[in-house]
Protein backbone atom coordinates (compact mmCIF):
# COMPACT_ATOMS: atom_id res chain seq x y z
CA MET A 1 0.00 0.00 0.00
CA THR A 2 1.41 3.35 -1.02
CA THR A 3 0.83 5.74 1.88
CA ASP A 4 0.75 9.51 2.21
CA TYR A 5 2.56 9.46 5.56
CA ASP A 6 4.42 7.09 7.82
CA VAL A 7 2.12 7.91 10.75
CA ILE A 8 -1.09 9.87 11.24
CA VAL A 9 -1.76 11.31 14.70
CA VAL A 10 -5.39 12.08 15.50
CA GLY A 11 -5.76 14.98 17.93
CA ALA A 12 -3.47 17.93 18.71
CA GLY A 13 -3.85 17.94 22.48
CA ALA A 14 -0.98 17.19 24.85
CA ALA A 15 -0.81 13.49 23.89
CA GLY A 16 -1.04 14.11 20.16
CA LEU A 17 1.58 16.85 20.19
CA ALA A 18 3.98 14.70 22.22
CA ALA A 19 3.49 11.77 19.85
CA THR A 20 3.97 13.97 16.79
CA GLN A 21 7.14 15.55 18.18
CA THR A 22 8.60 12.14 19.03
CA LEU A 23 7.96 10.76 15.56
CA VAL A 24 9.13 13.85 13.72
CA SER A 25 12.35 13.93 15.75
CA VAL A 26 13.49 10.62 14.22
CA GLY A 27 12.68 11.64 10.66
CA LEU A 28 9.30 10.05 9.99
CA SER A 29 6.73 11.75 7.79
CA VAL A 30 3.83 12.61 10.10
CA ILE A 31 0.62 14.59 10.00
CA CYS A 32 -1.28 15.54 13.14
CA ILE A 33 -4.99 15.97 12.36
CA GLU A 34 -7.07 18.11 14.73
CA ALA A 35 -10.86 18.48 14.63
CA SER A 36 -11.02 21.94 16.21
CA ASP A 37 -9.51 25.21 15.01
CA ARG A 38 -6.66 25.27 17.57
CA VAL A 39 -4.07 23.08 19.25
CA GLY A 40 -4.00 22.14 22.92
CA GLY A 41 -7.19 20.15 23.39
CA ARG A 42 -8.31 20.44 27.01
CA THR A 43 -5.37 22.72 27.73
CA HIS A 44 -6.22 26.16 26.38
CA THR A 45 -5.23 29.66 27.49
CA ASP A 46 -7.44 32.53 26.34
CA THR A 47 -6.26 36.15 26.58
CA SER A 48 -9.08 37.82 24.64
CA ILE A 49 -11.89 37.45 27.21
CA PHE A 50 -10.26 39.26 30.14
CA GLY A 51 -7.09 40.69 28.62
CA VAL A 52 -4.99 38.42 30.87
CA PRO A 53 -4.22 34.67 30.59
CA PHE A 54 -7.30 32.61 31.47
CA ASP A 55 -6.80 28.85 31.49
CA MET A 56 -10.12 27.53 30.28
CA GLY A 57 -8.89 23.98 30.76
CA ALA A 58 -5.96 22.61 32.75
CA HIS A 59 -4.16 25.15 34.93
CA TRP A 60 -2.31 23.21 37.64
CA LEU A 61 1.00 21.51 36.88
CA HIS A 62 0.46 18.64 39.32
CA ALA A 63 3.21 16.55 40.92
CA GLU A 64 5.98 18.98 39.98
CA HIS A 65 8.69 16.43 40.76
CA ALA A 66 7.35 14.08 38.08
CA ASN A 67 5.57 16.51 35.75
CA ALA A 68 6.76 15.98 32.19
CA LEU A 69 5.88 19.55 31.12
CA LYS A 70 7.94 21.41 33.72
CA ALA A 71 11.25 21.06 31.90
CA PRO A 72 9.83 21.95 28.44
CA GLY A 73 8.13 25.01 29.93
CA LEU A 74 11.32 26.22 31.56
CA ASN A 75 13.30 25.53 28.37
CA LEU A 76 10.83 27.73 26.48
CA GLY A 77 11.63 30.57 28.88
CA LEU A 78 8.17 30.62 30.44
CA ASP A 79 7.59 31.80 34.00
CA LEU A 80 6.88 28.61 35.96
CA TYR A 81 6.70 28.86 39.73
CA PRO A 82 5.57 26.85 42.78
CA ALA A 83 1.94 27.31 43.79
CA PRO A 84 2.18 29.53 46.89
CA ASP A 85 0.77 28.34 50.20
CA ASN A 86 -1.92 31.02 50.25
CA GLY A 87 -5.00 29.31 51.60
CA MET A 88 -8.15 30.80 53.16
CA THR A 89 -11.27 29.08 54.42
CA SER A 90 -14.32 31.19 55.09
CA GLY A 91 -15.49 30.56 58.64
CA LEU A 92 -12.10 29.40 59.92
CA GLU A 93 -9.46 31.65 61.42
CA ASP A 94 -6.92 28.89 60.87
CA ASP A 95 -7.57 26.76 57.80
CA ALA A 96 -5.16 24.14 59.14
CA VAL A 97 -8.33 22.56 60.58
CA LEU A 98 -9.51 21.91 57.03
CA TRP A 99 -6.19 20.58 55.78
CA ASP A 100 -5.88 18.27 58.76
CA GLU A 101 -9.13 16.67 57.60
CA VAL A 102 -7.77 16.44 54.04
CA ASP A 103 -4.74 14.59 55.43
CA GLU A 104 -7.01 12.26 57.39
CA ILE A 105 -8.97 11.38 54.25
CA GLN A 106 -5.76 10.75 52.32
CA ALA A 107 -4.48 8.48 55.08
CA ALA A 108 -7.79 6.59 55.04
CA VAL A 109 -7.54 6.17 51.25
CA THR A 110 -4.00 4.79 51.51
CA LYS A 111 -4.96 2.37 54.27
CA ALA A 112 -8.14 1.16 52.59
CA ALA A 113 -6.39 0.65 49.24
CA GLN A 114 -3.74 -1.46 50.96
CA VAL A 115 -6.46 -3.57 52.60
CA ASP A 116 -8.11 -4.05 49.20
CA ARG A 117 -4.81 -5.07 47.59
CA GLU A 118 -4.15 -7.64 50.32
CA ALA A 119 -7.69 -9.00 49.98
CA GLU A 120 -7.18 -9.30 46.24
CA GLU A 121 -3.88 -11.16 46.69
CA HIS A 122 -5.52 -13.56 49.13
CA SER A 123 -8.70 -14.28 47.19
CA GLY A 124 -7.61 -13.65 43.64
CA ASN A 125 -10.67 -11.46 43.14
CA SER A 126 -10.32 -7.79 42.26
CA THR A 127 -11.38 -5.54 45.12
CA ASP A 128 -12.08 -1.86 44.65
CA ARG A 129 -14.43 0.35 46.62
CA SER A 130 -15.60 3.91 46.08
CA LEU A 131 -14.24 6.87 47.98
CA ALA A 132 -17.70 7.25 49.52
CA ASP A 133 -17.42 3.74 51.00
CA ILE A 134 -14.53 4.72 53.27
CA PHE A 135 -15.38 8.37 53.80
CA VAL A 136 -16.33 9.19 57.38
CA ASP A 137 -18.02 12.46 58.26
CA LYS A 138 -15.88 13.32 61.29
CA GLY A 139 -16.64 16.99 61.62
CA PRO A 140 -18.23 20.12 60.15
CA TRP A 141 -15.46 20.46 57.54
CA SER A 142 -15.37 16.87 56.32
CA PHE A 143 -17.31 17.49 53.12
CA THR A 144 -15.30 20.61 52.36
CA ALA A 145 -12.15 18.50 52.72
CA ALA A 146 -13.64 15.78 50.53
CA MET A 147 -14.26 18.36 47.80
CA THR A 148 -10.47 18.50 47.34
CA PHE A 149 -10.53 14.89 46.16
CA ALA A 150 -13.64 15.43 44.04
CA LEU A 151 -11.78 18.16 42.16
CA SER A 152 -8.77 15.90 41.63
CA LEU A 153 -10.79 13.37 39.64
CA ALA A 154 -13.69 15.55 38.42
CA ARG A 155 -16.34 13.32 39.93
CA ASP A 156 -18.42 12.70 43.03
CA LEU A 157 -17.21 10.50 45.88
CA PRO A 158 -19.56 7.55 45.08
CA ASP A 159 -18.25 7.52 41.49
CA THR A 160 -14.55 7.54 42.43
CA SER A 161 -12.47 4.38 42.43
CA LEU A 162 -10.48 4.08 45.65
CA ARG A 163 -7.66 2.20 43.94
CA ASP A 164 -7.48 4.69 41.09
CA LEU A 165 -7.25 7.58 43.54
CA ASP A 166 -4.57 5.78 45.54
CA ALA A 167 -2.50 5.26 42.37
CA TRP A 168 -2.55 8.98 41.56
CA GLU A 169 0.92 10.47 41.99
CA GLY A 170 0.73 13.41 44.34
CA GLY A 171 3.22 16.16 44.99
CA ASP A 172 3.61 19.90 44.91
CA ASP A 173 1.76 21.95 42.30
CA TRP A 174 3.26 24.60 40.04
CA PHE A 175 1.73 27.31 37.85
CA CYS A 176 2.68 28.88 34.53
CA ARG A 177 2.22 32.64 34.60
CA GLU A 178 1.56 32.78 30.86
CA GLY A 179 -0.99 29.95 31.18
CA PHE A 180 -0.66 26.18 30.95
CA GLY A 181 -2.46 26.23 27.62
CA HIS A 182 0.09 28.71 26.31
CA LEU A 183 2.86 26.32 27.34
CA ILE A 184 1.27 23.44 25.43
CA ALA A 185 0.64 25.61 22.37
CA ARG A 186 4.30 26.60 22.33
CA THR A 187 5.33 22.95 22.17
CA ALA A 188 3.38 22.69 18.91
CA THR A 189 5.58 25.25 17.12
CA GLY A 190 6.91 23.86 13.85
CA LEU A 191 4.99 20.58 13.97
CA PRO A 192 2.97 19.38 10.93
CA ILE A 193 -0.61 19.99 12.08
CA LYS A 194 -3.83 20.24 10.08
CA LEU A 195 -6.59 22.05 12.00
CA SER A 196 -10.38 22.07 11.48
CA THR A 197 -10.25 18.54 10.11
CA PRO A 198 -12.53 16.15 12.06
CA VAL A 199 -11.79 12.45 11.57
CA THR A 200 -14.88 10.35 10.82
CA ASP A 201 -13.49 6.88 9.99
CA ILE A 202 -10.32 4.87 10.60
CA LYS A 203 -9.92 1.67 8.59
CA ALA A 204 -7.18 -0.90 9.13
CA LYS A 205 -5.94 -2.65 6.02
CA PRO A 206 -3.41 -5.50 5.82
CA ASP A 207 -0.66 -3.14 4.74
CA GLY A 208 -1.67 0.22 6.18
CA ILE A 209 -4.30 2.57 7.58
CA GLN A 210 -6.87 4.72 5.82
CA VAL A 211 -8.19 7.75 7.70
CA THR A 212 -11.27 9.56 6.44
CA THR A 213 -11.83 13.18 7.45
CA THR A 214 -14.40 15.78 6.52
CA ASN A 215 -11.83 17.01 3.99
CA GLY A 216 -11.08 13.67 2.33
CA LYS A 217 -9.02 10.53 2.83
CA THR A 218 -5.37 10.02 3.76
CA SER A 219 -3.26 6.97 4.50
CA ALA A 220 -0.31 5.86 6.59
CA GLN A 221 1.50 2.83 7.95
CA ALA A 222 0.05 3.44 11.43
CA VAL A 223 -2.21 5.82 13.34
CA ILE A 224 -2.13 7.10 16.93
CA VAL A 225 -5.57 8.14 18.19
CA THR A 226 -5.56 10.62 21.07
CA ALA A 227 -9.25 11.55 21.09
CA SER A 228 -10.85 11.67 24.54
CA VAL A 229 -12.67 8.72 26.06
CA GLY A 230 -15.84 10.78 25.71
CA VAL A 231 -15.42 11.03 21.95
CA LEU A 232 -14.42 7.38 21.51
CA ALA A 233 -17.22 6.01 23.68
CA GLU A 234 -19.85 7.89 21.65
CA ASP A 235 -18.54 6.60 18.30
CA VAL A 236 -17.75 10.02 16.93
CA ILE A 237 -15.00 8.16 15.07
CA ARG A 238 -15.97 4.88 13.37
CA PHE A 239 -13.43 2.07 13.34
CA ASP A 240 -13.07 -0.79 10.86
CA PRO A 241 -12.81 -3.39 12.29
CA PRO A 242 -15.08 -2.20 15.13
CA LEU A 243 -13.59 -1.68 18.57
CA ASP A 244 -13.50 -4.89 20.60
CA ALA A 245 -15.78 -5.74 23.53
CA GLU A 246 -13.02 -5.37 26.13
CA ARG A 247 -12.36 -1.78 25.09
CA ARG A 248 -16.09 -1.08 25.03
CA SER A 249 -16.32 -2.35 28.60
CA ALA A 250 -13.39 -0.10 29.55
CA PHE A 251 -15.36 2.91 28.27
CA GLU A 252 -18.03 2.12 30.87
CA LEU A 253 -15.45 1.95 33.67
CA ILE A 254 -13.24 4.90 32.72
CA THR A 255 -15.60 7.78 32.05
CA MET A 256 -15.33 11.50 31.48
CA GLY A 257 -15.86 13.65 34.55
CA ASP A 258 -16.79 17.30 34.86
CA TYR A 259 -14.47 20.10 35.95
CA ASN A 260 -15.13 23.69 34.92
CA HIS A 261 -13.88 27.21 35.56
CA ALA A 262 -15.89 30.39 35.91
CA GLY A 263 -13.51 33.30 35.40
CA LEU A 264 -14.42 36.55 37.17
CA VAL A 265 -12.86 40.00 36.98
CA PHE A 266 -13.57 42.86 39.41
CA GLN A 267 -12.47 46.42 39.91
CA PRO A 268 -8.95 46.52 41.43
CA GLY A 269 -8.91 45.97 45.18
CA THR A 270 -12.30 44.25 45.38
CA LEU A 271 -10.75 40.99 46.59
CA SER A 272 -7.80 41.97 48.73
CA VAL A 273 -5.96 38.65 48.73
CA PRO A 274 -2.41 37.60 47.83
CA SER A 275 -1.61 36.13 44.44
CA ASP A 276 -2.95 32.60 43.85
CA THR A 277 -4.98 32.37 47.04
CA TRP A 278 -7.04 29.17 47.26
CA LEU A 279 -10.33 30.11 48.93
CA THR A 280 -12.71 27.46 50.24
CA TYR A 281 -15.93 27.57 52.21
CA HIS A 282 -18.21 25.35 54.25
CA LEU A 283 -20.02 22.68 52.23
CA GLU A 284 -22.92 20.49 53.25
CA PRO A 285 -23.92 17.28 51.48
CA ASP A 286 -27.18 16.92 49.58
CA SER A 287 -29.47 13.89 49.84
CA HIS A 288 -27.04 11.90 47.68
CA GLY A 289 -24.02 12.71 49.81
CA VAL A 290 -22.64 15.17 47.27
CA ALA A 291 -21.11 18.45 48.44
CA ARG A 292 -22.52 21.01 46.04
CA GLY A 293 -19.87 23.68 45.79
CA GLY A 294 -16.28 24.29 44.82
CA GLY A 295 -13.33 26.53 45.48
CA PHE A 296 -11.80 29.78 44.24
CA LEU A 297 -8.33 30.46 42.92
CA CYS A 298 -8.15 34.20 43.55
CA ASN A 299 -5.87 36.76 41.93
CA VAL A 300 -4.44 34.22 39.50
CA SER A 301 -0.73 34.91 38.98
CA GLY A 302 -1.31 38.42 40.33
CA THR A 303 -3.55 39.41 37.40
CA GLY A 304 -6.68 40.10 39.44
CA LEU A 305 -8.54 37.27 37.73
CA THR A 306 -10.47 34.89 40.00
CA SER A 307 -11.41 31.40 38.88
CA PHE A 308 -14.27 29.47 40.48
CA GLU A 309 -13.57 25.72 40.23
CA SER A 310 -16.40 23.18 40.29
CA SER A 311 -16.51 19.46 39.60
CA GLY A 312 -18.67 16.36 39.47
CA SER A 313 -22.45 16.44 39.30
CA PHE A 314 -22.56 19.98 40.69
CA SER A 315 -20.44 21.24 37.81
CA ARG A 316 -22.51 19.23 35.36
CA ASP A 317 -25.73 20.76 36.70
CA LEU A 318 -24.29 24.27 36.36
CA GLN A 319 -23.48 23.52 32.73
CA GLU A 320 -27.02 22.34 32.06
CA MET A 321 -28.49 25.50 33.62
CA GLY A 322 -26.47 27.70 31.29
CA PRO A 323 -23.26 29.75 31.30
CA ASP A 324 -24.53 32.39 33.74
CA SER A 325 -25.30 29.85 36.48
CA ALA A 326 -21.70 29.24 37.55
CA ILE A 327 -20.97 32.96 37.47
CA GLU A 328 -24.02 33.76 39.58
CA HIS A 329 -23.16 31.05 42.11
CA ALA A 330 -19.61 32.33 42.36
CA LEU A 331 -20.73 35.94 42.84
CA GLU A 332 -23.24 35.01 45.54
CA THR A 333 -20.63 32.97 47.39
CA LEU A 334 -17.96 35.67 47.19
CA THR A 335 -20.49 38.28 48.37
CA GLY A 336 -20.86 36.23 51.53
CA PHE A 337 -17.09 36.48 52.06
CA PHE A 338 -16.29 40.04 51.00
CA GLY A 339 -19.61 41.93 51.12
CA THR A 340 -21.77 43.70 48.56
CA SER A 341 -18.79 45.36 46.87
CA VAL A 342 -18.26 42.07 45.02
CA LYS A 343 -21.39 42.56 42.92
CA GLN A 344 -20.99 46.33 42.68
CA ASN A 345 -17.44 46.02 41.36
CA PHE A 346 -18.00 42.99 39.11
CA ILE A 347 -16.85 43.67 35.55
CA LYS A 348 -17.39 40.47 33.59
CA GLY A 349 -17.28 36.69 33.78
CA HIS A 350 -16.97 33.64 31.56
CA ALA A 351 -17.82 30.02 32.38
CA THR A 352 -16.55 26.91 30.62
CA ALA A 353 -18.69 23.88 29.76
CA TRP A 354 -16.34 21.11 28.68
CA ARG A 355 -19.02 18.43 28.44
CA LYS A 356 -20.67 20.49 25.71
CA GLU A 357 -17.48 20.75 23.65
CA PRO A 358 -18.23 18.41 20.70
CA TYR A 359 -14.62 17.25 20.27
CA VAL A 360 -14.04 16.62 24.00
CA ARG A 361 -17.32 15.79 25.84
CA GLY A 362 -16.05 16.15 29.40
CA SER A 363 -13.01 17.26 31.33
CA TYR A 364 -10.84 14.22 32.08
CA ALA A 365 -11.33 10.51 32.61
CA GLY A 366 -11.73 9.02 36.07
CA ALA A 367 -12.31 5.42 37.07
CA ASN A 368 -15.60 4.22 38.50
CA PRO A 369 -15.31 1.81 41.44
CA GLY A 370 -13.95 -1.46 40.11
CA GLY A 371 -12.56 0.18 37.00
CA TYR A 372 -9.00 1.16 37.86
CA THR A 373 -7.41 -1.68 35.84
CA ALA A 374 -9.28 -0.63 32.70
CA ARG A 375 -6.76 2.13 32.05
CA THR A 376 -4.38 -0.55 30.79
CA VAL A 377 -6.96 -1.69 28.24
CA LEU A 378 -7.36 1.85 26.90
CA GLY A 379 -3.63 2.03 26.12
CA CYS A 380 -3.57 -1.20 24.11
CA PRO A 381 -3.50 -1.15 20.29
CA HIS A 382 -6.59 -2.01 18.26
CA THR A 383 -5.40 -4.28 15.46
CA GLU A 384 -1.73 -4.09 14.65
CA ARG A 385 -1.69 -0.55 13.33
CA ILE A 386 -4.16 1.49 15.41
CA HIS A 387 -2.64 2.85 18.62
CA PHE A 388 -4.14 4.94 21.43
CA ALA A 389 -2.81 7.53 23.89
CA GLY A 390 -4.17 10.04 26.38
CA GLU A 391 -4.45 10.87 30.06
CA ALA A 392 -7.08 8.15 30.41
CA SER A 393 -4.52 5.39 29.88
CA HIS A 394 -1.77 6.59 32.22
CA GLN A 395 -1.48 4.58 35.42
CA SER A 396 -0.21 7.15 37.93
CA GLN A 397 -0.63 10.58 36.29
CA GLN A 398 -4.16 10.00 35.05
CA CYS A 399 -6.38 13.06 34.75
CA SER A 400 -3.35 15.24 34.04
CA VAL A 401 -1.67 16.96 31.11
CA SER A 402 1.63 15.38 32.12
CA GLY A 403 0.04 11.93 31.93
CA ALA A 404 -1.30 12.68 28.44
CA HIS A 405 2.13 13.91 27.32
CA LEU A 406 3.84 10.77 28.61
CA GLU A 407 1.25 8.52 26.98
CA GLY A 408 1.78 10.26 23.65
CA ILE A 409 5.49 9.51 23.85
CA ARG A 410 4.78 5.90 24.87
CA ALA A 411 2.47 5.33 21.91
CA ALA A 412 4.97 6.91 19.50
CA ARG A 413 7.73 4.63 20.74
CA ASN A 414 5.47 1.62 20.32
CA VAL A 415 4.85 2.66 16.73
CA LEU A 416 8.57 3.09 16.09
CA THR A 417 9.52 -0.33 17.46
CA GLY A 418 6.50 -2.11 16.03
CA HIS A 419 6.37 -0.71 12.49
CA PHE A 420 9.76 0.77 11.61
CA LYS A 421 12.29 -1.34 13.51
CA PHE A 422 13.14 -3.56 10.56
CA SER A 423 12.23 -1.35 7.63
CA GLY A 424 14.39 1.52 8.82
CA VAL A 425 13.40 5.14 9.33
CA ARG A 426 12.96 7.27 6.24
CA THR A 427 14.26 10.82 6.28
CA HIS A 428 12.13 13.52 4.66
C-alpha cells in the first residue's frame, strides 16, 4: 500500500503533540490531524476574554517532581513557579483545621487501598471500593475536605475508584504565569498539524491505515488516536474493524468527569488577597451525599482574575443551567465572604462547559469503582496498526496533562519499534 505518511496522529492535544514531536524527531513523515480550530485540546489559554491569561482547561502543573511539562516550559523561557501556600477558608481563622481533615482522608484512602490489595492477593478477586465507602463524616469540615478529592478526579465520591485515587501520583503543584495552555501551544511550534479537520473513519488494512476526514481521505502505515474517552465512547470516530468488547467495557469503567472554571474580573482591590490564594468555604452534602460547591483560585498569577472551580455532578448541573449559572453562584458565594462590593465592582465573567465541547465531551477521565485496571486496556492497540494515547490510559498521572504527554510519547515509541524497527526510518 502506497501511503501519504508514515504515521497519522489524530488529535493535537498534549498526547497528540507529544506523539507527533517524538515521531518527527526521528525523521518520519507525520501529519497531526485536529478536529477543532486550535491546538492544545483540554489545555487552552485565552487572553481575549479578560485581557490576561485565562486557562479555560488545565491550569495546575500537578506533581511537579514528576511533571513531564515542567522542563519543556522552563526551556521555552516561560515563568513557571511553585503554587504559593496562600490558603483561606471562610469561617475558619486557621484553615489548618480543614487541611488536617484532608490529610485524614488521604491516610484513610491509603490504608483502605492497601487492605483491598491484600484481599485481592488472598482471594484472587479484584477488590475496589468507592471513595464514599470509606469516607467518614468526622466533623463540620469533612465534606469541604472531601471536595479536594472530588476536584482531583472531576467526579463525586460515590463515582470515584479508591484504587485509582490511591494510584494517583501526588506532589507539589506549580503554575505557569503565561498559562498552561500557552505552554502546550508553544510545544506545537513547527509541527505538521492540520486544524479544522474532524476524523470520521479509521480503517485498518493488511498493509496500512486509511483515515477519512471531513476534507477527504489520507493513509499511513500506522495511526495514533488521542481523542478523549468521551469522543471514543460515543462513536464520533468509526473504526473498521469495530472496537473490541473489552475496550467497550473499559469505556463504561473509565468515564469523562466534569471540571469547569468560571472566570471573574472585578475592579482593582475588590478581593484583597495575595496572588494565587485558594479560597474554600463550608459545604454540606445533599441527599445523595454530594457536596454542592467548589473553590476559588483568587488573583491568578497576580492578574486580578479569580477562577471558580467546580466538579462532578454539581459542575454538570451548572453547565445544564447555562453559562450564567456558575458565574451567579460564584458571585453570591464571594459576596458572603467580601460583602456587597463584590457585585458592585464585578466587571465580567466567563464560564466553561467542557461536556458540551463536541470534540471533547467532558473534562478528564476518572475510574468508577472497580474500574482502575481498565486504564491498561485503553492504552492497548486495536489491530496491529491502530494505537491509542491520552491521560485516560496513564497509570499514575491520570487526569493530568503530564500523563497525556507521557502517553503520547509511549504510543509513538510503540509505533517506532513495532512498524519501523526492521524497515528503517525514512528521512524527509
